[in-house]
Amino acid sequence: MARYTKFDKTRSDPFPLSRTGIDEFIRCPRTFVLKRKYGVKFPGIPPLTLAVATDHLLKNEFDKLREAQSSEHWLFKRYGLER
C-alpha cells in the first residue's frame, strides 16, 4: 500500500489514518489538517546548544582541577560546600 503525503479528493479509495494521526487530531485539529491536507511540514525540536555548551565549559573547568588534583573550586569555597 502506497503512503499518501497529502489528502487528495480525487482518489476513490479511503484515506489511510493511523493511531498517531488520530492522536495528532485530538491534540490539535488545525495542525492535523495543515499537515495532512496541505502537506505543511513543521519544524523539529531545536538543538540544545545551551546545555551542550554548559556541559563543555564545566567539563573543561573540572578537568583543570583534576589535573591539579585539587577539589577547591571557587563555587565550593564561596558557598561552603564539601565534596
PDB file of N, CA and C in Angstrom:
ATOM      1  N   MET A   1       0.840  -1.186   0.000  1.00  0.00           N
ATOM      2  CA  MET A   1       0.000   0.000   0.000  1.00  0.00           C
ATOM      3  C   MET A   1       0.884   1.248   0.000  1.00  0.00           C
ATOM      4  N   ALA A   2       0.651   2.116  -0.906  1.00  0.00           N
ATOM      5  CA  ALA A   2       1.436   3.346  -1.013  1.00  0.00           C
ATOM      6  C   ALA A   2       1.063   4.315   0.100  1.00  0.00           C
ATOM      7  N   ARG A   3       2.065   5.057   0.577  1.00  0.00           N
ATOM      8  CA  ARG A   3       1.801   6.059   1.615  1.00  0.00           C
ATOM      9  C   ARG A   3       1.411   7.369   0.956  1.00  0.00           C
ATOM     10  N   TYR A   4       0.394   8.019   1.493  1.00  0.00           N
ATOM     11  CA  TYR A   4      -0.055   9.312   0.994  1.00  0.00           C
ATOM     12  C   TYR A   4       0.630  10.404   1.791  1.00  0.00           C
ATOM     13  N   THR A   5       1.083  11.419   1.113  1.00  0.00           N
ATOM     14  CA  THR A   5       1.663  12.554   1.820  1.00  0.00           C
ATOM     15  C   THR A   5       0.617  13.625   2.070  1.00  0.00           C
ATOM     16  N   LYS A   6      -0.372  13.721   1.177  1.00  0.00           N
ATOM     17  CA  LYS A   6      -1.426  14.714   1.337  1.00  0.00           C
ATOM     18  C   LYS A   6      -2.775  14.081   1.005  1.00  0.00           C
ATOM     19  N   PHE A   7      -3.823  14.655   1.547  1.00  0.00           N
ATOM     20  CA  PHE A   7      -5.184  14.231   1.245  1.00  0.00           C
ATOM     21  C   PHE A   7      -5.519  14.640  -0.188  1.00  0.00           C
ATOM     22  N   ASP A   8      -6.149  13.747  -0.922  1.00  0.00           N
ATOM     23  CA  ASP A   8      -6.488  14.011  -2.320  1.00  0.00           C
ATOM     24  C   ASP A   8      -7.957  13.686  -2.536  1.00  0.00           C
ATOM     25  N   LYS A   9      -8.774  14.690  -2.894  1.00  0.00           N
ATOM     26  CA  LYS A   9     -10.216  14.499  -3.088  1.00  0.00           C
ATOM     27  C   LYS A   9     -10.529  13.618  -4.292  1.00  0.00           C
ATOM     28  N   THR A  10      -9.638  13.564  -5.248  1.00  0.00           N
ATOM     29  CA  THR A  10      -9.925  12.826  -6.479  1.00  0.00           C
ATOM     30  C   THR A  10      -9.781  11.311  -6.310  1.00  0.00           C
ATOM     31  N   ARG A  11      -9.172  10.864  -5.232  1.00  0.00           N
ATOM     32  CA  ARG A  11      -9.000   9.428  -5.005  1.00  0.00           C
ATOM     33  C   ARG A  11     -10.311   8.826  -4.496  1.00  0.00           C
ATOM     34  N   SER A  12     -10.613   7.631  -4.996  1.00  0.00           N
ATOM     35  CA  SER A  12     -11.843   6.968  -4.566  1.00  0.00           C
ATOM     36  C   SER A  12     -11.603   6.042  -3.378  1.00  0.00           C
ATOM     37  N   ASP A  13     -10.355   5.605  -3.177  1.00  0.00           N
ATOM     38  CA  ASP A  13     -10.074   4.709  -2.055  1.00  0.00           C
ATOM     39  C   ASP A  13     -10.013   5.502  -0.754  1.00  0.00           C
ATOM     40  N   PRO A  14     -10.230   4.849   0.383  1.00  0.00           N
ATOM     41  CA  PRO A  14     -10.257   5.560   1.671  1.00  0.00           C
ATOM     42  C   PRO A  14      -8.893   6.134   2.047  1.00  0.00           C
ATOM     43  N   PHE A  15      -8.940   7.243   2.733  1.00  0.00           N
ATOM     44  CA  PHE A  15      -7.730   7.906   3.193  1.00  0.00           C
ATOM     45  C   PHE A  15      -7.198   7.146   4.407  1.00  0.00           C
ATOM     46  N   PRO A  16      -5.966   6.630   4.357  1.00  0.00           N
ATOM     47  CA  PRO A  16      -5.442   5.868   5.494  1.00  0.00           C
ATOM     48  C   PRO A  16      -5.187   6.779   6.694  1.00  0.00           C
ATOM     49  N   LEU A  17      -5.527   6.287   7.852  1.00  0.00           N
ATOM     50  CA  LEU A  17      -5.356   7.061   9.074  1.00  0.00           C
ATOM     51  C   LEU A  17      -4.805   6.138  10.148  1.00  0.00           C
ATOM     52  N   SER A  18      -3.693   6.519  10.729  1.00  0.00           N
ATOM     53  CA  SER A  18      -3.059   5.700  11.763  1.00  0.00           C
ATOM     54  C   SER A  18      -3.473   6.180  13.147  1.00  0.00           C
ATOM     55  N   ARG A  19      -3.047   5.430  14.131  1.00  0.00           N
ATOM     56  CA  ARG A  19      -3.336   5.827  15.511  1.00  0.00           C
ATOM     57  C   ARG A  19      -2.633   7.145  15.836  1.00  0.00           C
ATOM     58  N   THR A  20      -1.440   7.327  15.314  1.00  0.00           N
ATOM     59  CA  THR A  20      -0.710   8.583  15.509  1.00  0.00           C
ATOM     60  C   THR A  20      -1.478   9.747  14.912  1.00  0.00           C
ATOM     61  N   GLY A  21      -2.090   9.529  13.729  1.00  0.00           N
ATOM     62  CA  GLY A  21      -2.893  10.573  13.100  1.00  0.00           C
ATOM     63  C   GLY A  21      -4.076  10.973  13.956  1.00  0.00           C
ATOM     64  N   ILE A  22      -4.724   9.984  14.573  1.00  0.00           N
ATOM     65  CA  ILE A  22      -5.857  10.279  15.454  1.00  0.00           C
ATOM     66  C   ILE A  22      -5.393  11.065  16.671  1.00  0.00           C
ATOM     67  N   ASP A  23      -4.266  10.661  17.242  1.00  0.00           N
ATOM     68  CA  ASP A  23      -3.704  11.391  18.393  1.00  0.00           C
ATOM     69  C   ASP A  23      -3.368  12.831  18.019  1.00  0.00           C
ATOM     70  N   GLU A  24      -2.802  13.018  16.813  1.00  0.00           N
ATOM     71  CA  GLU A  24      -2.492  14.375  16.350  1.00  0.00           C
ATOM     72  C   GLU A  24      -3.763  15.210  16.217  1.00  0.00           C
ATOM     73  N   PHE A  25      -4.833  14.610  15.700  1.00  0.00           N
ATOM     74  CA  PHE A  25      -6.094  15.336  15.539  1.00  0.00           C
ATOM     75  C   PHE A  25      -6.686  15.728  16.888  1.00  0.00           C
ATOM     76  N   ILE A  26      -6.618  14.823  17.852  1.00  0.00           N
ATOM     77  CA  ILE A  26      -7.152  15.116  19.195  1.00  0.00           C
ATOM     78  C   ILE A  26      -6.336  16.227  19.847  1.00  0.00           C
ATOM     79  N   ARG A  27      -5.014  16.173  19.676  1.00  0.00           N
ATOM     80  CA  ARG A  27      -4.139  17.186  20.275  1.00  0.00           C
ATOM     81  C   ARG A  27      -4.359  18.557  19.659  1.00  0.00           C
ATOM     82  N   CYS A  28      -4.409  18.612  18.319  1.00  0.00           N
ATOM     83  CA  CYS A  28      -4.575  19.900  17.643  1.00  0.00           C
ATOM     84  C   CYS A  28      -5.155  19.676  16.246  1.00  0.00           C
ATOM     85  N   PRO A  29      -6.475  19.832  16.084  1.00  0.00           N
ATOM     86  CA  PRO A  29      -7.101  19.601  14.780  1.00  0.00           C
ATOM     87  C   PRO A  29      -6.527  20.483  13.669  1.00  0.00           C
ATOM     88  N   ARG A  30      -6.206  21.714  13.990  1.00  0.00           N
ATOM     89  CA  ARG A  30      -5.685  22.635  12.971  1.00  0.00           C
ATOM     90  C   ARG A  30      -4.355  22.137  12.408  1.00  0.00           C
ATOM     91  N   THR A  31      -3.463  21.711  13.292  1.00  0.00           N
ATOM     92  CA  THR A  31      -2.177  21.185  12.866  1.00  0.00           C
ATOM     93  C   THR A  31      -2.358  19.928  12.028  1.00  0.00           C
ATOM     94  N   PHE A  32      -3.292  19.070  12.438  1.00  0.00           N
ATOM     95  CA  PHE A  32      -3.569  17.840  11.697  1.00  0.00           C
ATOM     96  C   PHE A  32      -3.980  18.156  10.262  1.00  0.00           C
ATOM     97  N   VAL A  33      -4.909  19.107  10.093  1.00  0.00           N
ATOM     98  CA  VAL A  33      -5.395  19.465   8.756  1.00  0.00           C
ATOM     99  C   VAL A  33      -4.270  20.075   7.920  1.00  0.00           C
ATOM    100  N   LEU A  34      -3.490  20.976   8.515  1.00  0.00           N
ATOM    101  CA  LEU A  34      -2.387  21.590   7.778  1.00  0.00           C
ATOM    102  C   LEU A  34      -1.378  20.544   7.301  1.00  0.00           C
ATOM    103  N   LYS A  35      -1.123  19.566   8.143  1.00  0.00           N
ATOM    104  CA  LYS A  35      -0.148  18.543   7.798  1.00  0.00           C
ATOM    105  C   LYS A  35      -0.696  17.575   6.752  1.00  0.00           C
ATOM    106  N   ARG A  36      -1.925  17.077   6.963  1.00  0.00           N
ATOM    107  CA  ARG A  36      -2.477  16.055   6.079  1.00  0.00           C
ATOM    108  C   ARG A  36      -3.021  16.609   4.774  1.00  0.00           C
ATOM    109  N   LYS A  37      -3.717  17.720   4.837  1.00  0.00           N
ATOM    110  CA  LYS A  37      -4.374  18.240   3.636  1.00  0.00           C
ATOM    111  C   LYS A  37      -3.434  19.065   2.765  1.00  0.00           C
ATOM    112  N   TYR A  38      -2.596  19.882   3.405  1.00  0.00           N
ATOM    113  CA  TYR A  38      -1.752  20.802   2.651  1.00  0.00           C
ATOM    114  C   TYR A  38      -0.273  20.398   2.621  1.00  0.00           C
ATOM    115  N   GLY A  39       0.096  19.366   3.368  1.00  0.00           N
ATOM    116  CA  GLY A  39       1.480  18.886   3.360  1.00  0.00           C
ATOM    117  C   GLY A  39       2.474  19.801   4.037  1.00  0.00           C
ATOM    118  N   VAL A  40       2.015  20.620   4.981  1.00  0.00           N
ATOM    119  CA  VAL A  40       2.905  21.542   5.693  1.00  0.00           C
ATOM    120  C   VAL A  40       3.773  20.736   6.656  1.00  0.00           C
ATOM    121  N   LYS A  41       5.079  20.930   6.572  1.00  0.00           N
ATOM    122  CA  LYS A  41       5.992  20.263   7.490  1.00  0.00           C
ATOM    123  C   LYS A  41       6.381  21.251   8.578  1.00  0.00           C
ATOM    124  N   PHE A  42       6.214  20.827   9.804  1.00  0.00           N
ATOM    125  CA  PHE A  42       6.507  21.698  10.924  1.00  0.00           C
ATOM    126  C   PHE A  42       7.942  21.490  11.387  1.00  0.00           C
ATOM    127  N   PRO A  43       8.559  22.529  11.953  1.00  0.00           N
ATOM    128  CA  PRO A  43       9.952  22.412  12.379  1.00  0.00           C
ATOM    129  C   PRO A  43      10.099  21.419  13.526  1.00  0.00           C
ATOM    130  N   GLY A  44      11.262  20.835  13.589  1.00  0.00           N
ATOM    131  CA  GLY A  44      11.548  19.889  14.657  1.00  0.00           C
ATOM    132  C   GLY A  44      11.961  20.603  15.932  1.00  0.00           C
ATOM    133  N   ILE A  45      12.436  19.827  16.869  1.00  0.00           N
ATOM    134  CA  ILE A  45      12.881  20.370  18.146  1.00  0.00           C
ATOM    135  C   ILE A  45      14.232  21.062  17.941  1.00  0.00           C
ATOM    136  N   PRO A  46      14.379  22.284  18.433  1.00  0.00           N
ATOM    137  CA  PRO A  46      15.666  22.966  18.251  1.00  0.00           C
ATOM    138  C   PRO A  46      16.760  22.262  19.045  1.00  0.00           C
ATOM    139  N   PRO A  47      18.002  22.363  18.596  1.00  0.00           N
ATOM    140  CA  PRO A  47      19.098  21.712  19.317  1.00  0.00           C
ATOM    141  C   PRO A  47      19.309  22.352  20.685  1.00  0.00           C
ATOM    142  N   LEU A  48      19.799  21.566  21.589  1.00  0.00           N
ATOM    143  CA  LEU A  48      20.013  22.037  22.958  1.00  0.00           C
ATOM    144  C   LEU A  48      21.430  22.615  23.097  1.00  0.00           C
ATOM    145  N   THR A  49      21.695  23.672  22.366  1.00  0.00           N
ATOM    146  CA  THR A  49      23.045  24.230  22.322  1.00  0.00           C
ATOM    147  C   THR A  49      23.482  24.803  23.668  1.00  0.00           C
ATOM    148  N   LEU A  50      22.550  25.375  24.415  1.00  0.00           N
ATOM    149  CA  LEU A  50      22.929  25.939  25.711  1.00  0.00           C
ATOM    150  C   LEU A  50      23.378  24.833  26.660  1.00  0.00           C
ATOM    151  N   ALA A  51      22.655  23.735  26.691  1.00  0.00           N
ATOM    152  CA  ALA A  51      23.016  22.620  27.564  1.00  0.00           C
ATOM    153  C   ALA A  51      24.353  22.015  27.146  1.00  0.00           C
ATOM    154  N   VAL A  52      24.571  21.871  25.849  1.00  0.00           N
ATOM    155  CA  VAL A  52      25.821  21.304  25.351  1.00  0.00           C
ATOM    156  C   VAL A  52      26.988  22.227  25.688  1.00  0.00           C
ATOM    157  N   ALA A  53      26.807  23.526  25.510  1.00  0.00           N
ATOM    158  CA  ALA A  53      27.868  24.486  25.816  1.00  0.00           C
ATOM    159  C   ALA A  53      28.189  24.492  27.308  1.00  0.00           C
ATOM    160  N   THR A  54      27.163  24.430  28.144  1.00  0.00           N
ATOM    161  CA  THR A  54      27.364  24.410  29.591  1.00  0.00           C
ATOM    162  C   THR A  54      28.131  23.162  29.999  1.00  0.00           C
ATOM    163  N   ASP A  55      27.746  22.007  29.467  1.00  0.00           N
ATOM    164  CA  ASP A  55      28.453  20.768  29.766  1.00  0.00           C
ATOM    165  C   ASP A  55      29.921  20.861  29.372  1.00  0.00           C
ATOM    166  N   HIS A  56      30.163  21.415  28.196  1.00  0.00           N
ATOM    167  CA  HIS A  56      31.541  21.538  27.696  1.00  0.00           C
ATOM    168  C   HIS A  56      32.376  22.448  28.606  1.00  0.00           C
ATOM    169  N   LEU A  57      31.818  23.583  28.988  1.00  0.00           N
ATOM    170  CA  LEU A  57      32.553  24.525  29.847  1.00  0.00           C
ATOM    171  C   LEU A  57      32.831  23.918  31.224  1.00  0.00           C
ATOM    172  N   LEU A  58      31.833  23.255  31.797  1.00  0.00           N
ATOM    173  CA  LEU A  58      32.033  22.633  33.112  1.00  0.00           C
ATOM    174  C   LEU A  58      33.062  21.509  33.036  1.00  0.00           C
ATOM    175  N   LYS A  59      33.017  20.720  31.979  1.00  0.00           N
ATOM    176  CA  LYS A  59      33.988  19.642  31.830  1.00  0.00           C
ATOM    177  C   LYS A  59      35.400  20.199  31.760  1.00  0.00           C
ATOM    178  N   ASN A  60      35.599  21.240  30.968  1.00  0.00           N
ATOM    179  CA  ASN A  60      36.933  21.843  30.867  1.00  0.00           C
ATOM    180  C   ASN A  60      37.408  22.382  32.210  1.00  0.00           C
ATOM    181  N   GLU A  61      36.498  23.023  32.929  1.00  0.00           N
ATOM    182  CA  GLU A  61      36.864  23.616  34.211  1.00  0.00           C
ATOM    183  C   GLU A  61      37.256  22.544  35.231  1.00  0.00           C
ATOM    184  N   PHE A  62      36.479  21.477  35.293  1.00  0.00           N
ATOM    185  CA  PHE A  62      36.776  20.428  36.266  1.00  0.00           C
ATOM    186  C   PHE A  62      37.942  19.546  35.820  1.00  0.00           C
ATOM    187  N   ASP A  63      38.214  19.480  34.512  1.00  0.00           N
ATOM    188  CA  ASP A  63      39.413  18.775  34.042  1.00  0.00           C
ATOM    189  C   ASP A  63      40.669  19.457  34.576  1.00  0.00           C
ATOM    190  N   LYS A  64      40.656  20.778  34.604  1.00  0.00           N
ATOM    191  CA  LYS A  64      41.799  21.522  35.145  1.00  0.00           C
ATOM    192  C   LYS A  64      41.994  21.214  36.629  1.00  0.00           C
ATOM    193  N   LEU A  65      40.900  21.109  37.377  1.00  0.00           N
ATOM    194  CA  LEU A  65      41.003  20.781  38.803  1.00  0.00           C
ATOM    195  C   LEU A  65      41.511  19.354  38.993  1.00  0.00           C
ATOM    196  N   ARG A  66      41.083  18.431  38.125  1.00  0.00           N
ATOM    197  CA  ARG A  66      41.559  17.049  38.218  1.00  0.00           C
ATOM    198  C   ARG A  66      43.054  16.963  37.940  1.00  0.00           C
ATOM    199  N   GLU A  67      43.526  17.724  36.953  1.00  0.00           N
ATOM    200  CA  GLU A  67      44.963  17.733  36.646  1.00  0.00           C
ATOM    201  C   GLU A  67      45.768  18.240  37.835  1.00  0.00           C
ATOM    202  N   ALA A  68      45.244  19.260  38.495  1.00  0.00           N
ATOM    203  CA  ALA A  68      45.930  19.823  39.658  1.00  0.00           C
ATOM    204  C   ALA A  68      45.663  18.990  40.920  1.00  0.00           C
ATOM    205  N   GLN A  69      44.817  17.971  40.806  1.00  0.00           N
ATOM    206  CA  GLN A  69      44.406  17.124  41.926  1.00  0.00           C
ATOM    207  C   GLN A  69      43.913  17.965  43.096  1.00  0.00           C
ATOM    208  N   SER A  70      43.047  18.901  42.767  1.00  0.00           N
ATOM    209  CA  SER A  70      42.505  19.815  43.761  1.00  0.00           C
ATOM    210  C   SER A  70      40.982  19.750  43.723  1.00  0.00           C
ATOM    211  N   SER A  71      40.364  19.900  44.879  1.00  0.00           N
ATOM    212  CA  SER A  71      38.903  19.940  44.935  1.00  0.00           C
ATOM    213  C   SER A  71      38.423  21.307  45.394  1.00  0.00           C
ATOM    214  N   GLU A  72      39.302  22.293  45.337  1.00  0.00           N
ATOM    215  CA  GLU A  72      38.954  23.620  45.818  1.00  0.00           C
ATOM    216  C   GLU A  72      38.485  24.509  44.676  1.00  0.00           C
ATOM    217  N   HIS A  73      37.309  24.263  44.227  1.00  0.00           N
ATOM    218  CA  HIS A  73      36.695  25.073  43.175  1.00  0.00           C
ATOM    219  C   HIS A  73      36.143  26.335  43.824  1.00  0.00           C
ATOM    220  N   TRP A  74      36.116  27.423  43.104  1.00  0.00           N
ATOM    221  CA  TRP A  74      35.669  28.696  43.698  1.00  0.00           C
ATOM    222  C   TRP A  74      34.216  28.635  44.159  1.00  0.00           C
ATOM    223  N   LEU A  75      33.373  27.852  43.508  1.00  0.00           N
ATOM    224  CA  LEU A  75      31.986  27.726  43.967  1.00  0.00           C
ATOM    225  C   LEU A  75      31.906  27.006  45.310  1.00  0.00           C
ATOM    226  N   PHE A  76      32.757  25.992  45.468  1.00  0.00           N
ATOM    227  CA  PHE A  76      32.779  25.268  46.736  1.00  0.00           C
ATOM    228  C   PHE A  76      33.219  26.190  47.865  1.00  0.00           C
ATOM    229  N   LYS A  77      34.207  27.015  47.580  1.00  0.00           N
ATOM    230  CA  LYS A  77      34.700  27.945  48.605  1.00  0.00           C
ATOM    231  C   LYS A  77      33.645  28.990  48.954  1.00  0.00           C
ATOM    232  N   ARG A  78      33.033  29.589  47.941  1.00  0.00           N
ATOM    233  CA  ARG A  78      32.090  30.687  48.158  1.00  0.00           C
ATOM    234  C   ARG A  78      30.876  30.248  48.977  1.00  0.00           C
ATOM    235  N   TYR A  79      30.345  29.069  48.681  1.00  0.00           N
ATOM    236  CA  TYR A  79      29.104  28.628  49.332  1.00  0.00           C
ATOM    237  C   TYR A  79      29.345  27.608  50.442  1.00  0.00           C
ATOM    238  N   GLY A  80      30.592  27.369  50.790  1.00  0.00           N
ATOM    239  CA  GLY A  80      30.898  26.468  51.901  1.00  0.00           C
ATOM    240  C   GLY A  80      30.481  25.026  51.639  1.00  0.00           C
ATOM    241  N   LEU A  81      30.641  24.570  50.414  1.00  0.00           N
ATOM    242  CA  LEU A  81      30.266  23.204  50.056  1.00  0.00           C
ATOM    243  C   LEU A  81      31.426  22.260  50.279  1.00  0.00           C
ATOM    244  N   GLU A  82      31.093  21.010  50.603  1.00  0.00           N
ATOM    245  CA  GLU A  82      32.117  19.983  50.744  1.00  0.00           C
ATOM    246  C   GLU A  82      31.964  18.976  49.633  1.00  0.00           C
ATOM    247  N   ARG A  83      33.038  18.255  49.367  1.00  0.00           N
ATOM    248  CA  ARG A  83      32.988  17.240  48.309  1.00  0.00           C
ATOM    249  C   ARG A  83      32.036  16.167  48.606  1.00  0.00           C
TER     250      ARG A  83
END
